[in-house]
Amino acid sequence: MTGAELEFTLLSISERYKPYKEITEYQCARGYSELELRGGTKDCFAKLRATGFTVSCLTTRDTKRL
């Protein structure tokens, strides 16, 4: 039995097995929530808007971050 098979078996028996996709989605969401705007971003958006550009951003609707 390989190490991966043994680990899967032990996690399954203990009912702690999580599918890979579930773990990576959690890690990506946690990492995303820790991101901050780069320096100068607000000024850049203001300059673009002042010259007639429409600036849009995609968010997770987290009001604390907005």
N, C-alpha and C. Protein backbone atom coordinates (compact mmCIF):
# COMPACT_ATOMS: atom_id res chain seq x y z
N MET A 1 0.86 -1.18 0.00
CA MET A 1 0.00 0.00 0.00
C MET A 1 0.90 1.24 0.00
N THR A 2 0.58 2.20 -0.88
CA THR A 2 1.37 3.43 -0.94
C THR A 2 0.98 4.36 0.20
N GLY A 3 1.80 5.36 0.42
CA GLY A 3 1.51 6.34 1.47
C GLY A 3 0.19 7.05 1.24
N ALA A 4 -0.09 7.39 -0.02
CA ALA A 4 -1.34 8.09 -0.34
C ALA A 4 -2.55 7.19 -0.07
N GLU A 5 -2.43 5.92 -0.41
CA GLU A 5 -3.54 4.99 -0.16
C GLU A 5 -3.78 4.80 1.33
N LEU A 6 -2.70 4.71 2.08
CA LEU A 6 -2.81 4.56 3.53
C LEU A 6 -3.44 5.79 4.16
N GLU A 7 -3.00 6.96 3.73
CA GLU A 7 -3.57 8.21 4.26
C GLU A 7 -5.05 8.31 3.93
N PHE A 8 -5.42 8.00 2.68
CA PHE A 8 -6.83 8.03 2.29
C PHE A 8 -7.65 7.07 3.15
N THR A 9 -7.13 5.87 3.36
CA THR A 9 -7.84 4.85 4.15
C THR A 9 -8.05 5.34 5.58
N LEU A 10 -7.00 5.86 6.20
CA LEU A 10 -7.12 6.34 7.57
C LEU A 10 -8.08 7.52 7.70
N LEU A 11 -8.01 8.44 6.75
CA LEU A 11 -8.94 9.58 6.77
C LEU A 11 -10.38 9.13 6.54
N SER A 12 -10.57 8.16 5.68
CA SER A 12 -11.91 7.64 5.42
C SER A 12 -12.48 6.95 6.65
N ILE A 13 -11.68 6.13 7.30
CA ILE A 13 -12.14 5.42 8.49
C ILE A 13 -12.50 6.40 9.60
N SER A 14 -11.70 7.45 9.74
CA SER A 14 -11.96 8.44 10.81
C SER A 14 -13.01 9.47 10.40
N GLU A 15 -13.54 9.33 9.18
CA GLU A 15 -14.57 10.22 8.64
C GLU A 15 -14.09 11.68 8.56
N ARG A 16 -12.79 11.86 8.31
CA ARG A 16 -12.23 13.20 8.15
C ARG A 16 -11.77 13.46 6.72
N TYR A 17 -12.05 12.55 5.80
CA TYR A 17 -11.64 12.73 4.41
C TYR A 17 -12.40 13.87 3.78
N LYS A 18 -11.70 14.76 3.10
CA LYS A 18 -12.30 15.87 2.35
C LYS A 18 -11.83 15.77 0.90
N PRO A 19 -12.74 15.91 -0.07
CA PRO A 19 -12.32 15.88 -1.47
C PRO A 19 -11.34 17.03 -1.77
N TYR A 20 -10.40 16.77 -2.66
CA TYR A 20 -9.38 17.75 -3.03
C TYR A 20 -10.01 19.08 -3.44
N LYS A 21 -11.07 19.02 -4.23
CA LYS A 21 -11.71 20.24 -4.72
C LYS A 21 -12.22 21.10 -3.56
N GLU A 22 -12.79 20.48 -2.54
CA GLU A 22 -13.31 21.21 -1.39
C GLU A 22 -12.19 21.94 -0.64
N ILE A 23 -11.06 21.28 -0.49
CA ILE A 23 -9.93 21.88 0.22
C ILE A 23 -9.35 23.04 -0.57
N THR A 24 -9.17 22.87 -1.87
CA THR A 24 -8.57 23.94 -2.67
C THR A 24 -9.51 25.14 -2.77
N GLU A 25 -10.82 24.92 -2.84
CA GLU A 25 -11.76 26.03 -2.88
C GLU A 25 -11.67 26.85 -1.60
N TYR A 26 -11.56 26.17 -0.46
CA TYR A 26 -11.43 26.86 0.83
C TYR A 26 -10.14 27.67 0.87
N GLN A 27 -9.03 27.08 0.44
CA GLN A 27 -7.75 27.76 0.48
C GLN A 27 -7.75 28.98 -0.44
N CYS A 28 -8.35 28.85 -1.61
CA CYS A 28 -8.40 29.98 -2.55
C CYS A 28 -9.26 31.11 -1.98
N ALA A 29 -10.40 30.77 -1.40
CA ALA A 29 -11.27 31.79 -0.82
C ALA A 29 -10.59 32.49 0.34
N ARG A 30 -9.88 31.74 1.18
CA ARG A 30 -9.19 32.34 2.32
C ARG A 30 -8.08 33.26 1.82
N GLY A 31 -7.32 32.82 0.84
CA GLY A 31 -6.25 33.64 0.28
C GLY A 31 -6.78 34.90 -0.36
N TYR A 32 -7.90 34.78 -1.07
CA TYR A 32 -8.51 35.94 -1.72
C TYR A 32 -8.93 36.98 -0.70
N SER A 33 -9.48 36.54 0.42
CA SER A 33 -9.96 37.48 1.42
C SER A 33 -8.83 38.25 2.08
N GLU A 34 -7.60 37.76 1.97
CA GLU A 34 -6.46 38.43 2.57
C GLU A 34 -5.78 39.42 1.61
N LEU A 35 -6.20 39.45 0.35
CA LEU A 35 -5.59 40.35 -0.62
C LEU A 35 -5.96 41.80 -0.32
N GLU A 36 -5.04 42.70 -0.64
CA GLU A 36 -5.29 44.13 -0.49
C GLU A 36 -5.01 44.82 -1.82
N LEU A 37 -5.56 46.02 -1.98
CA LEU A 37 -5.30 46.78 -3.19
C LEU A 37 -3.83 47.16 -3.26
N ARG A 38 -3.30 47.21 -4.45
CA ARG A 38 -1.93 47.68 -4.62
C ARG A 38 -1.90 49.18 -4.39
N GLY A 39 -0.76 49.66 -3.95
CA GLY A 39 -0.59 51.10 -3.74
C GLY A 39 -0.88 51.87 -5.01
N GLY A 40 -1.61 52.96 -4.90
CA GLY A 40 -1.93 53.79 -6.05
C GLY A 40 -3.18 53.39 -6.82
N THR A 41 -3.80 52.29 -6.43
CA THR A 41 -4.98 51.81 -7.16
C THR A 41 -6.12 52.81 -7.09
N LYS A 42 -6.39 53.33 -5.90
CA LYS A 42 -7.49 54.30 -5.76
C LYS A 42 -7.25 55.54 -6.61
N ASP A 43 -6.01 56.04 -6.62
CA ASP A 43 -5.68 57.21 -7.44
C ASP A 43 -5.82 56.89 -8.92
N CYS A 44 -5.40 55.69 -9.31
CA CYS A 44 -5.51 55.27 -10.71
C CYS A 44 -6.98 55.23 -11.14
N PHE A 45 -7.83 54.64 -10.31
CA PHE A 45 -9.26 54.59 -10.62
C PHE A 45 -9.83 56.00 -10.73
N ALA A 46 -9.45 56.88 -9.82
CA ALA A 46 -9.95 58.26 -9.84
C ALA A 46 -9.54 58.97 -11.14
N LYS A 47 -8.31 58.78 -11.57
CA LYS A 47 -7.83 59.41 -12.81
C LYS A 47 -8.57 58.87 -14.03
N LEU A 48 -8.78 57.57 -14.04
CA LEU A 48 -9.52 56.97 -15.16
C LEU A 48 -10.95 57.50 -15.21
N ARG A 49 -11.60 57.56 -14.06
CA ARG A 49 -12.97 58.08 -14.02
C ARG A 49 -13.01 59.54 -14.44
N ALA A 50 -12.03 60.32 -14.01
CA ALA A 50 -11.98 61.75 -14.34
C ALA A 50 -11.84 61.98 -15.85
N THR A 51 -11.26 61.03 -16.55
CA THR A 51 -11.09 61.18 -18.00
C THR A 51 -12.17 60.47 -18.80
N GLY A 52 -13.22 60.01 -18.09
CA GLY A 52 -14.37 59.45 -18.80
C GLY A 52 -14.44 57.94 -18.86
N PHE A 53 -13.48 57.24 -18.30
CA PHE A 53 -13.53 55.78 -18.31
C PHE A 53 -14.50 55.27 -17.25
N THR A 54 -15.15 54.18 -17.55
CA THR A 54 -15.96 53.49 -16.56
C THR A 54 -15.09 52.41 -15.93
N VAL A 55 -14.99 52.45 -14.61
CA VAL A 55 -14.16 51.49 -13.88
C VAL A 55 -15.08 50.55 -13.12
N SER A 56 -14.91 49.26 -13.36
CA SER A 56 -15.71 48.24 -12.68
C SER A 56 -14.80 47.26 -11.98
N CYS A 57 -15.29 46.69 -10.90
CA CYS A 57 -14.53 45.68 -10.15
C CYS A 57 -15.43 44.51 -9.83
N LEU A 58 -14.86 43.33 -9.85
CA LEU A 58 -15.58 42.13 -9.43
C LEU A 58 -15.30 41.92 -7.94
N THR A 59 -16.32 41.64 -7.17
CA THR A 59 -16.14 41.45 -5.73
C THR A 59 -16.92 40.23 -5.27
N THR A 60 -16.75 39.89 -4.01
CA THR A 60 -17.53 38.84 -3.38
C THR A 60 -18.63 39.44 -2.54
N ARG A 61 -18.86 40.73 -2.67
CA ARG A 61 -19.87 41.49 -1.94
C ARG A 61 -19.60 41.51 -0.43
N ASP A 62 -18.33 41.42 -0.07
CA ASP A 62 -17.92 41.52 1.32
C ASP A 62 -17.86 43.00 1.68
N THR A 63 -18.85 43.50 2.39
CA THR A 63 -18.94 44.93 2.65
C THR A 63 -17.80 45.46 3.50
N LYS A 64 -17.20 44.63 4.33
CA LYS A 64 -16.04 45.05 5.11
C LYS A 64 -14.88 45.42 4.21
N ARG A 65 -14.71 44.66 3.13
CA ARG A 65 -13.60 44.93 2.21
C ARG A 65 -13.88 46.09 1.29
N LEU A 66 -15.15 46.34 0.97
CA LEU A 66 -15.48 47.42 0.06
C LEU A 66 -15.48 48.72 0.80
